[in-house]
Amino acid sequence: MKYTVSMEIALPREKVAQLLADPEHLPKWLRGLVLHEPLSGEHGQVGTTSRVVLRTGRQEFECTETVTRREPVDLHGIAGDAVVHFEREIVGKGMWSAVSDRLTETGQGTTLWVNENEYRFSGLAMRLVGLVMPGSFRKQSLRHMEDFKAFAERGKDVREARA
């Protein structure tokens, strides 16, 4: 299963890239995040493998995330025409996923965020989920992007909605 979602954010590309890459901010916009800890390497750098635990309702999902691309490595002083790339592979029980994020400057202080996703499922249960509910994966990606946009533009923290 493959899909692409995109969104404009009313901030300069460099600021968006820095916010996305900062592990301190993950809990503020990544709804359901329980844990994101590097097992090897430095957070966000190519080759880094992290343990990630997400909670949806009463269910927890644990996976391993490996950063496969980060360009440019230094997110300060990014050239005006450069495209920022963040890519990662995610492996969990019955699932493999590749995620590619691209950030491009679209105007004075505006960034286009394009998020491409590919999922492969193994095991009967996950294959059924992929067949019966493919739209739920796209909706989840859009929700994470909307939460990030609200955090980046207005400082809205998803944890405050739970209180």
N, C-alpha and C. Protein backbone atom coordinates (compact mmCIF):
# COMPACT_ATOMS: atom_id res chain seq x y z
N MET A 1 0.85 -1.17 0.00
CA MET A 1 0.00 0.00 0.00
C MET A 1 0.90 1.23 0.00
N LYS A 2 0.59 2.18 -0.89
CA LYS A 2 1.34 3.43 -0.96
C LYS A 2 0.36 4.60 -0.99
N TYR A 3 0.77 5.71 -0.37
CA TYR A 3 -0.02 6.94 -0.45
C TYR A 3 0.88 8.13 -0.15
N THR A 4 0.41 9.31 -0.58
CA THR A 4 1.12 10.56 -0.34
C THR A 4 0.15 11.57 0.21
N VAL A 5 0.57 12.29 1.24
CA VAL A 5 -0.22 13.39 1.80
C VAL A 5 0.69 14.61 1.87
N SER A 6 0.09 15.79 1.80
CA SER A 6 0.91 17.01 1.86
C SER A 6 0.15 18.12 2.55
N MET A 7 0.91 19.13 2.97
CA MET A 7 0.33 20.23 3.73
C MET A 7 1.28 21.42 3.69
N GLU A 8 0.71 22.61 3.66
CA GLU A 8 1.52 23.82 3.76
C GLU A 8 1.57 24.28 5.21
N ILE A 9 2.73 24.75 5.61
CA ILE A 9 2.93 25.25 6.97
C ILE A 9 3.43 26.67 6.85
N ALA A 10 2.82 27.56 7.62
CA ALA A 10 3.13 28.99 7.54
C ALA A 10 4.37 29.34 8.36
N LEU A 11 5.48 28.68 8.02
CA LEU A 11 6.78 28.94 8.64
C LEU A 11 7.86 28.69 7.59
N PRO A 12 9.02 29.32 7.73
CA PRO A 12 10.12 29.05 6.81
C PRO A 12 10.57 27.59 6.89
N ARG A 13 11.03 27.05 5.77
CA ARG A 13 11.45 25.65 5.68
C ARG A 13 12.49 25.29 6.74
N GLU A 14 13.45 26.15 6.98
CA GLU A 14 14.50 25.85 7.95
C GLU A 14 13.92 25.66 9.35
N LYS A 15 12.97 26.49 9.74
CA LYS A 15 12.34 26.38 11.06
C LYS A 15 11.53 25.09 11.15
N VAL A 16 10.78 24.76 10.09
CA VAL A 16 9.99 23.52 10.06
C VAL A 16 10.92 22.31 10.20
N ALA A 17 12.01 22.30 9.46
CA ALA A 17 12.97 21.19 9.52
C ALA A 17 13.55 21.04 10.92
N GLN A 18 13.91 22.15 11.53
CA GLN A 18 14.48 22.09 12.88
C GLN A 18 13.48 21.57 13.90
N LEU A 19 12.22 22.00 13.79
CA LEU A 19 11.19 21.52 14.72
C LEU A 19 10.92 20.03 14.53
N LEU A 20 10.84 19.59 13.27
CA LEU A 20 10.61 18.17 12.99
C LEU A 20 11.75 17.30 13.51
N ALA A 21 12.97 17.78 13.41
CA ALA A 21 14.14 16.99 13.77
C ALA A 21 14.44 16.98 15.26
N ASP A 22 13.83 17.85 16.03
CA ASP A 22 14.16 17.98 17.46
C ASP A 22 13.37 16.96 18.30
N PRO A 23 14.06 15.99 18.90
CA PRO A 23 13.35 14.96 19.68
C PRO A 23 12.61 15.52 20.89
N GLU A 24 13.01 16.67 21.39
CA GLU A 24 12.32 17.29 22.53
C GLU A 24 10.87 17.63 22.19
N HIS A 25 10.61 17.90 20.90
CA HIS A 25 9.27 18.32 20.49
C HIS A 25 8.35 17.17 20.11
N LEU A 26 8.87 15.98 19.89
CA LEU A 26 8.04 14.85 19.44
C LEU A 26 6.77 14.64 20.28
N PRO A 27 6.85 14.62 21.61
CA PRO A 27 5.63 14.39 22.39
C PRO A 27 4.59 15.50 22.25
N LYS A 28 5.01 16.67 21.81
CA LYS A 28 4.10 17.80 21.68
C LYS A 28 3.19 17.69 20.47
N TRP A 29 3.62 16.93 19.45
CA TRP A 29 2.78 16.83 18.25
C TRP A 29 2.53 15.41 17.76
N LEU A 30 3.31 14.43 18.21
CA LEU A 30 3.12 13.05 17.76
C LEU A 30 2.16 12.35 18.73
N ARG A 31 0.90 12.48 18.42
CA ARG A 31 -0.18 11.96 19.25
C ARG A 31 0.00 10.46 19.50
N GLY A 32 -0.10 10.06 20.75
CA GLY A 32 0.01 8.66 21.11
C GLY A 32 1.43 8.18 21.39
N LEU A 33 2.42 9.07 21.27
CA LEU A 33 3.80 8.66 21.51
C LEU A 33 4.00 8.33 22.99
N VAL A 34 4.46 7.13 23.24
CA VAL A 34 4.79 6.69 24.59
C VAL A 34 6.30 6.77 24.80
N LEU A 35 7.06 6.35 23.75
CA LEU A 35 8.50 6.28 23.88
C LEU A 35 9.15 6.39 22.50
N HIS A 36 10.23 7.13 22.44
CA HIS A 36 11.06 7.19 21.22
C HIS A 36 12.49 7.31 21.71
N GLU A 37 13.19 6.16 21.77
CA GLU A 37 14.54 6.15 22.32
C GLU A 37 15.53 5.52 21.35
N PRO A 38 16.62 6.24 21.07
CA PRO A 38 17.66 5.66 20.21
C PRO A 38 18.28 4.43 20.88
N LEU A 39 18.40 3.36 20.10
CA LEU A 39 19.08 2.15 20.56
C LEU A 39 20.54 2.19 20.14
N SER A 40 20.79 2.83 19.00
CA SER A 40 22.15 3.02 18.52
C SER A 40 22.18 4.28 17.69
N GLY A 41 23.25 5.05 17.81
CA GLY A 41 23.37 6.28 17.04
C GLY A 41 22.78 7.48 17.76
N GLU A 42 22.78 8.61 17.06
CA GLU A 42 22.29 9.88 17.60
C GLU A 42 20.96 10.19 16.95
N HIS A 43 19.97 10.59 17.75
CA HIS A 43 18.62 10.82 17.26
C HIS A 43 18.62 11.62 15.94
N GLY A 44 17.89 11.06 14.97
CA GLY A 44 17.70 11.77 13.70
C GLY A 44 18.81 11.63 12.68
N GLN A 45 19.95 11.06 13.06
CA GLN A 45 21.06 10.95 12.13
C GLN A 45 20.97 9.63 11.35
N VAL A 46 21.48 9.62 10.12
CA VAL A 46 21.43 8.44 9.27
C VAL A 46 22.08 7.25 9.98
N GLY A 47 21.37 6.12 9.94
CA GLY A 47 21.85 4.90 10.57
C GLY A 47 21.35 4.69 11.98
N THR A 48 20.81 5.72 12.59
CA THR A 48 20.31 5.60 13.95
C THR A 48 19.08 4.69 13.99
N THR A 49 19.09 3.76 14.93
CA THR A 49 17.96 2.87 15.15
C THR A 49 17.34 3.22 16.49
N SER A 50 16.00 3.35 16.49
CA SER A 50 15.28 3.74 17.71
C SER A 50 14.13 2.79 17.99
N ARG A 51 13.85 2.62 19.24
CA ARG A 51 12.65 1.89 19.69
C ARG A 51 11.54 2.92 19.83
N VAL A 52 10.40 2.63 19.21
CA VAL A 52 9.27 3.55 19.24
C VAL A 52 8.05 2.79 19.74
N VAL A 53 7.34 3.40 20.70
CA VAL A 53 6.11 2.82 21.22
C VAL A 53 5.02 3.87 21.06
N LEU A 54 3.93 3.48 20.39
CA LEU A 54 2.78 4.36 20.20
C LEU A 54 1.55 3.71 20.82
N ARG A 55 0.65 4.53 21.37
CA ARG A 55 -0.59 4.03 21.97
C ARG A 55 -1.78 4.64 21.24
N THR A 56 -2.70 3.78 20.88
CA THR A 56 -3.97 4.20 20.31
C THR A 56 -5.06 3.55 21.14
N GLY A 57 -5.81 4.36 21.87
CA GLY A 57 -6.80 3.79 22.77
C GLY A 57 -6.10 2.95 23.82
N ARG A 58 -6.49 1.68 23.91
CA ARG A 58 -5.88 0.77 24.89
C ARG A 58 -4.76 -0.07 24.29
N GLN A 59 -4.53 0.06 23.00
CA GLN A 59 -3.53 -0.76 22.34
C GLN A 59 -2.21 -0.01 22.18
N GLU A 60 -1.12 -0.74 22.40
CA GLU A 60 0.21 -0.19 22.16
C GLU A 60 0.84 -0.93 20.99
N PHE A 61 1.59 -0.18 20.20
CA PHE A 61 2.29 -0.75 19.06
C PHE A 61 3.75 -0.40 19.22
N GLU A 62 4.61 -1.41 19.19
CA GLU A 62 6.05 -1.18 19.31
C GLU A 62 6.72 -1.50 17.99
N CYS A 63 7.67 -0.65 17.60
CA CYS A 63 8.38 -0.86 16.35
C CYS A 63 9.81 -0.35 16.48
N THR A 64 10.59 -0.64 15.45
CA THR A 64 11.95 -0.16 15.36
C THR A 64 12.04 0.75 14.15
N GLU A 65 12.58 1.94 14.37
CA GLU A 65 12.72 2.94 13.31
C GLU A 65 14.21 3.11 13.00
N THR A 66 14.55 3.11 11.71
CA THR A 66 15.92 3.34 11.29
C THR A 66 15.94 4.52 10.33
N VAL A 67 16.74 5.53 10.64
CA VAL A 67 16.86 6.70 9.78
C VAL A 67 17.72 6.31 8.58
N THR A 68 17.17 6.50 7.38
CA THR A 68 17.88 6.11 6.16
C THR A 68 18.36 7.31 5.34
N ARG A 69 17.83 8.50 5.61
CA ARG A 69 18.28 9.70 4.87
C ARG A 69 17.94 10.94 5.68
N ARG A 70 18.89 11.87 5.69
CA ARG A 70 18.69 13.20 6.28
C ARG A 70 19.56 14.15 5.47
N GLU A 71 18.92 14.98 4.70
CA GLU A 71 19.65 15.96 3.89
C GLU A 71 18.94 17.30 3.95
N PRO A 72 19.69 18.32 4.22
CA PRO A 72 21.10 18.32 4.61
C PRO A 72 21.25 17.85 6.06
N VAL A 73 22.45 17.45 6.40
CA VAL A 73 22.72 17.01 7.76
C VAL A 73 22.59 18.18 8.73
N ASP A 74 23.14 19.34 8.35
CA ASP A 74 23.06 20.55 9.17
C ASP A 74 21.82 21.33 8.76
N LEU A 75 20.90 21.51 9.69
CA LEU A 75 19.63 22.18 9.40
C LEU A 75 19.68 23.68 9.69
N HIS A 76 20.87 24.26 9.70
CA HIS A 76 21.04 25.70 9.89
C HIS A 76 21.69 26.27 8.63
N GLY A 77 21.16 27.36 8.14
CA GLY A 77 21.73 27.98 6.94
C GLY A 77 21.47 27.17 5.69
N ILE A 78 20.29 26.59 5.56
CA ILE A 78 19.94 25.77 4.40
C ILE A 78 19.84 26.66 3.16
N ALA A 79 20.45 26.23 2.08
CA ALA A 79 20.41 26.99 0.82
C ALA A 79 18.96 27.21 0.38
N GLY A 80 18.71 28.36 -0.23
CA GLY A 80 17.36 28.75 -0.61
C GLY A 80 16.62 27.79 -1.49
N ASP A 81 17.31 27.11 -2.41
CA ASP A 81 16.64 26.20 -3.33
C ASP A 81 16.73 24.74 -2.90
N ALA A 82 17.32 24.48 -1.76
CA ALA A 82 17.49 23.10 -1.29
C ALA A 82 16.17 22.51 -0.84
N VAL A 83 16.03 21.20 -1.04
CA VAL A 83 14.90 20.44 -0.53
C VAL A 83 15.42 19.65 0.66
N VAL A 84 14.69 19.71 1.78
CA VAL A 84 15.08 18.96 2.97
C VAL A 84 14.42 17.58 2.88
N HIS A 85 15.22 16.53 3.13
CA HIS A 85 14.72 15.15 3.08
C HIS A 85 14.93 14.48 4.43
N PHE A 86 13.87 13.86 4.94
CA PHE A 86 13.95 12.97 6.10
C PHE A 86 13.33 11.65 5.66
N GLU A 87 14.07 10.54 5.78
CA GLU A 87 13.52 9.24 5.41
C GLU A 87 13.85 8.23 6.49
N ARG A 88 12.92 7.27 6.65
CA ARG A 88 13.12 6.25 7.66
C ARG A 88 12.37 4.98 7.29
N GLU A 89 12.84 3.87 7.82
CA GLU A 89 12.15 2.59 7.71
C GLU A 89 11.64 2.22 9.08
N ILE A 90 10.44 1.66 9.11
CA ILE A 90 9.82 1.27 10.37
C ILE A 90 9.40 -0.19 10.27
N VAL A 91 9.81 -0.98 11.25
CA VAL A 91 9.48 -2.40 11.27
C VAL A 91 8.80 -2.72 12.59
N GLY A 92 7.64 -3.34 12.48
CA GLY A 92 6.89 -3.77 13.66
C GLY A 92 6.29 -5.13 13.39
N LYS A 93 5.58 -5.67 14.35
CA LYS A 93 4.99 -6.99 14.21
C LYS A 93 4.03 -6.99 13.02
N GLY A 94 4.36 -7.76 12.01
CA GLY A 94 3.51 -7.91 10.84
C GLY A 94 3.53 -6.75 9.86
N MET A 95 4.50 -5.82 10.01
CA MET A 95 4.49 -4.62 9.18
C MET A 95 5.89 -4.09 8.91
N TRP A 96 6.08 -3.60 7.69
CA TRP A 96 7.28 -2.86 7.30
C TRP A 96 6.78 -1.60 6.62
N SER A 97 7.44 -0.47 6.89
CA SER A 97 7.02 0.79 6.29
C SER A 97 8.24 1.63 5.94
N ALA A 98 8.13 2.36 4.82
CA ALA A 98 9.13 3.35 4.44
C ALA A 98 8.42 4.69 4.38
N VAL A 99 8.99 5.67 5.04
CA VAL A 99 8.40 7.01 5.09
C VAL A 99 9.41 8.02 4.57
N SER A 100 8.95 8.89 3.68
CA SER A 100 9.81 9.92 3.11
C SER A 100 9.12 11.27 3.29
N ASP A 101 9.82 12.20 3.93
CA ASP A 101 9.31 13.56 4.11
C ASP A 101 10.19 14.51 3.31
N ARG A 102 9.55 15.40 2.55
CA ARG A 102 10.25 16.43 1.79
C ARG A 102 9.69 17.78 2.18
N LEU A 103 10.59 18.72 2.44
CA LEU A 103 10.21 20.09 2.78
C LEU A 103 10.77 21.02 1.72
N THR A 104 9.89 21.80 1.10
CA THR A 104 10.33 22.78 0.11
C THR A 104 9.76 24.14 0.46
N GLU A 105 10.55 25.16 0.19
CA GLU A 105 10.13 26.55 0.41
C GLU A 105 9.14 26.88 -0.71
N THR A 106 7.93 27.33 -0.36
CA THR A 106 6.92 27.62 -1.38
C THR A 106 6.65 29.11 -1.52
N GLY A 107 7.18 29.89 -0.65
CA GLY A 107 6.97 31.33 -0.72
C GLY A 107 7.61 31.98 0.49
N GLN A 108 7.36 33.24 0.63
CA GLN A 108 7.93 33.98 1.76
C GLN A 108 7.42 33.40 3.07
N GLY A 109 8.26 32.62 3.73
CA GLY A 109 7.91 32.08 5.04
C GLY A 109 6.90 30.94 5.02
N THR A 110 6.76 30.24 3.90
CA THR A 110 5.82 29.12 3.81
C THR A 110 6.55 27.88 3.31
N THR A 111 6.19 26.72 3.88
CA THR A 111 6.84 25.45 3.55
C THR A 111 5.81 24.43 3.11
N LEU A 112 6.11 23.70 2.05
CA LEU A 112 5.28 22.57 1.64
C LEU A 112 5.92 21.30 2.19
N TRP A 113 5.13 20.54 2.95
CA TRP A 113 5.57 19.28 3.52
C TRP A 113 4.88 18.15 2.76
N VAL A 114 5.65 17.33 2.06
CA VAL A 114 5.12 16.18 1.32
C VAL A 114 5.59 14.92 2.04
N ASN A 115 4.63 14.05 2.38
CA ASN A 115 4.89 12.85 3.16
C ASN A 115 4.45 11.64 2.33
N GLU A 116 5.44 10.82 1.91
CA GLU A 116 5.15 9.61 1.13
C GLU A 116 5.31 8.39 2.02
N ASN A 117 4.37 7.46 1.91
CA ASN A 117 4.36 6.27 2.76
C ASN A 117 4.17 5.02 1.94
N GLU A 118 4.90 3.98 2.30
CA GLU A 118 4.71 2.67 1.70
C GLU A 118 4.65 1.66 2.84
N TYR A 119 3.65 0.79 2.79
CA TYR A 119 3.48 -0.25 3.80
C TYR A 119 3.46 -1.61 3.15
N ARG A 120 4.08 -2.58 3.82
CA ARG A 120 4.00 -3.98 3.43
C ARG A 120 3.63 -4.76 4.69
N PHE A 121 2.69 -5.67 4.53
CA PHE A 121 2.18 -6.41 5.68
C PHE A 121 2.50 -7.89 5.54
N SER A 122 2.76 -8.53 6.70
CA SER A 122 2.94 -9.97 6.75
C SER A 122 2.03 -10.49 7.86
N GLY A 123 1.67 -11.70 7.78
CA GLY A 123 0.75 -12.25 8.77
C GLY A 123 -0.69 -11.91 8.41
N LEU A 124 -1.58 -12.81 8.69
CA LEU A 124 -2.98 -12.67 8.30
C LEU A 124 -3.64 -11.43 8.90
N ALA A 125 -3.44 -11.19 10.19
CA ALA A 125 -4.10 -10.07 10.86
C ALA A 125 -3.72 -8.73 10.23
N MET A 126 -2.44 -8.50 10.03
CA MET A 126 -2.01 -7.21 9.46
C MET A 126 -2.42 -7.09 8.00
N ARG A 127 -2.40 -8.18 7.25
CA ARG A 127 -2.85 -8.12 5.86
C ARG A 127 -4.32 -7.74 5.78
N LEU A 128 -5.13 -8.28 6.70
CA LEU A 128 -6.54 -7.93 6.73
C LEU A 128 -6.75 -6.46 7.08
N VAL A 129 -5.98 -5.97 8.03
CA VAL A 129 -6.06 -4.55 8.39
C VAL A 129 -5.74 -3.69 7.17
N GLY A 130 -4.68 -4.05 6.45
CA GLY A 130 -4.29 -3.30 5.26
C GLY A 130 -5.35 -3.33 4.17
N LEU A 131 -6.04 -4.46 4.03
CA LEU A 131 -7.09 -4.59 3.01
C LEU A 131 -8.39 -3.89 3.42
N VAL A 132 -8.78 -4.06 4.67
CA VAL A 132 -10.07 -3.55 5.14
C VAL A 132 -10.03 -2.07 5.50
N MET A 133 -8.92 -1.60 5.99
CA MET A 133 -8.85 -0.23 6.49
C MET A 133 -7.69 0.57 5.91
N PRO A 134 -7.48 0.58 4.61
CA PRO A 134 -6.34 1.32 4.07
C PRO A 134 -6.45 2.83 4.32
N GLY A 135 -7.64 3.36 4.35
CA GLY A 135 -7.83 4.80 4.59
C GLY A 135 -7.42 5.23 5.98
N SER A 136 -7.43 4.31 6.94
CA SER A 136 -7.07 4.69 8.31
C SER A 136 -5.59 5.06 8.41
N PHE A 137 -4.74 4.44 7.60
CA PHE A 137 -3.32 4.78 7.61
C PHE A 137 -3.11 6.21 7.10
N ARG A 138 -3.79 6.55 6.00
CA ARG A 138 -3.70 7.89 5.43
C ARG A 138 -4.24 8.93 6.42
N LYS A 139 -5.37 8.62 7.05
CA LYS A 139 -5.96 9.54 8.03
C LYS A 139 -5.01 9.77 9.21
N GLN A 140 -4.35 8.70 9.65
CA GLN A 140 -3.40 8.83 10.76
C GLN A 140 -2.23 9.72 10.38
N SER A 141 -1.70 9.54 9.16
CA SER A 141 -0.60 10.40 8.70
C SER A 141 -1.03 11.86 8.64
N LEU A 142 -2.21 12.11 8.10
CA LEU A 142 -2.72 13.49 8.03
C LEU A 142 -2.92 14.08 9.42
N ARG A 143 -3.41 13.27 10.34
CA ARG A 143 -3.62 13.76 11.71
C ARG A 143 -2.29 14.16 12.35
N HIS A 144 -1.25 13.34 12.16
CA HIS A 144 0.07 13.70 12.69
C HIS A 144 0.56 15.01 12.06
N MET A 145 0.35 15.16 10.76
CA MET A 145 0.78 16.39 10.08
C MET A 145 0.01 17.60 10.59
N GLU A 146 -1.31 17.44 10.76
CA GLU A 146 -2.13 18.54 11.28
C GLU A 146 -1.71 18.91 12.70
N ASP A 147 -1.41 17.90 13.52
CA ASP A 147 -0.95 18.16 14.89
C ASP A 147 0.39 18.89 14.88
N PHE A 148 1.29 18.49 13.97
CA PHE A 148 2.57 19.18 13.87
C PHE A 148 2.36 20.63 13.44
N LYS A 149 1.51 20.85 12.45
CA LYS A 149 1.22 22.20 11.95
C LYS A 149 0.69 23.09 13.10
N ALA A 150 -0.25 22.55 13.89
CA ALA A 150 -0.81 23.31 15.01
C ALA A 150 0.27 23.62 16.05
N PHE A 151 1.17 22.66 16.29
CA PHE A 151 2.26 22.89 17.22
C PHE A 151 3.23 23.95 16.69
N ALA A 152 3.64 23.78 15.42
CA ALA A 152 4.65 24.67 14.83
C ALA A 152 4.13 26.10 14.69
N GLU A 153 2.90 26.25 14.23
CA GLU A 153 2.36 27.59 13.96
C GLU A 153 1.80 28.28 15.19
N ARG A 154 1.18 27.49 16.10
CA ARG A 154 0.48 28.11 17.23
C ARG A 154 0.92 27.62 18.61
N GLY A 155 1.89 26.70 18.64
CA GLY A 155 2.38 26.19 19.92
C GLY A 155 1.42 25.21 20.59
N LYS A 156 0.45 24.68 19.87
CA LYS A 156 -0.54 23.76 20.44
C LYS A 156 0.12 22.41 20.72
N ASP A 157 -0.06 21.91 21.94
CA ASP A 157 0.53 20.65 22.41
C ASP A 157 -0.58 19.60 22.49
N VAL A 158 -0.44 18.47 21.79
CA VAL A 158 -1.49 17.45 21.78
C VAL A 158 -1.73 16.86 23.16
N ARG A 159 -0.77 16.94 24.04
CA ARG A 159 -0.94 16.39 25.39
C ARG A 159 -1.94 17.21 26.20
N GLU A 160 -2.10 18.49 25.87
CA GLU A 160 -3.04 19.34 26.60
C GLU A 160 -4.47 18.93 26.33
N ALA A 161 -4.75 18.34 25.18
CA ALA A 161 -6.10 17.88 24.84
C ALA A 161 -6.52 16.71 25.72
N ARG A 162 -5.55 15.95 26.23
CA ARG A 162 -5.83 14.79 27.06
C ARG A 162 -6.16 15.17 28.50
N ALA A 163 -5.70 16.34 28.90
CA ALA A 163 -5.86 16.72 30.32
C ALA A 163 -7.30 17.08 30.66
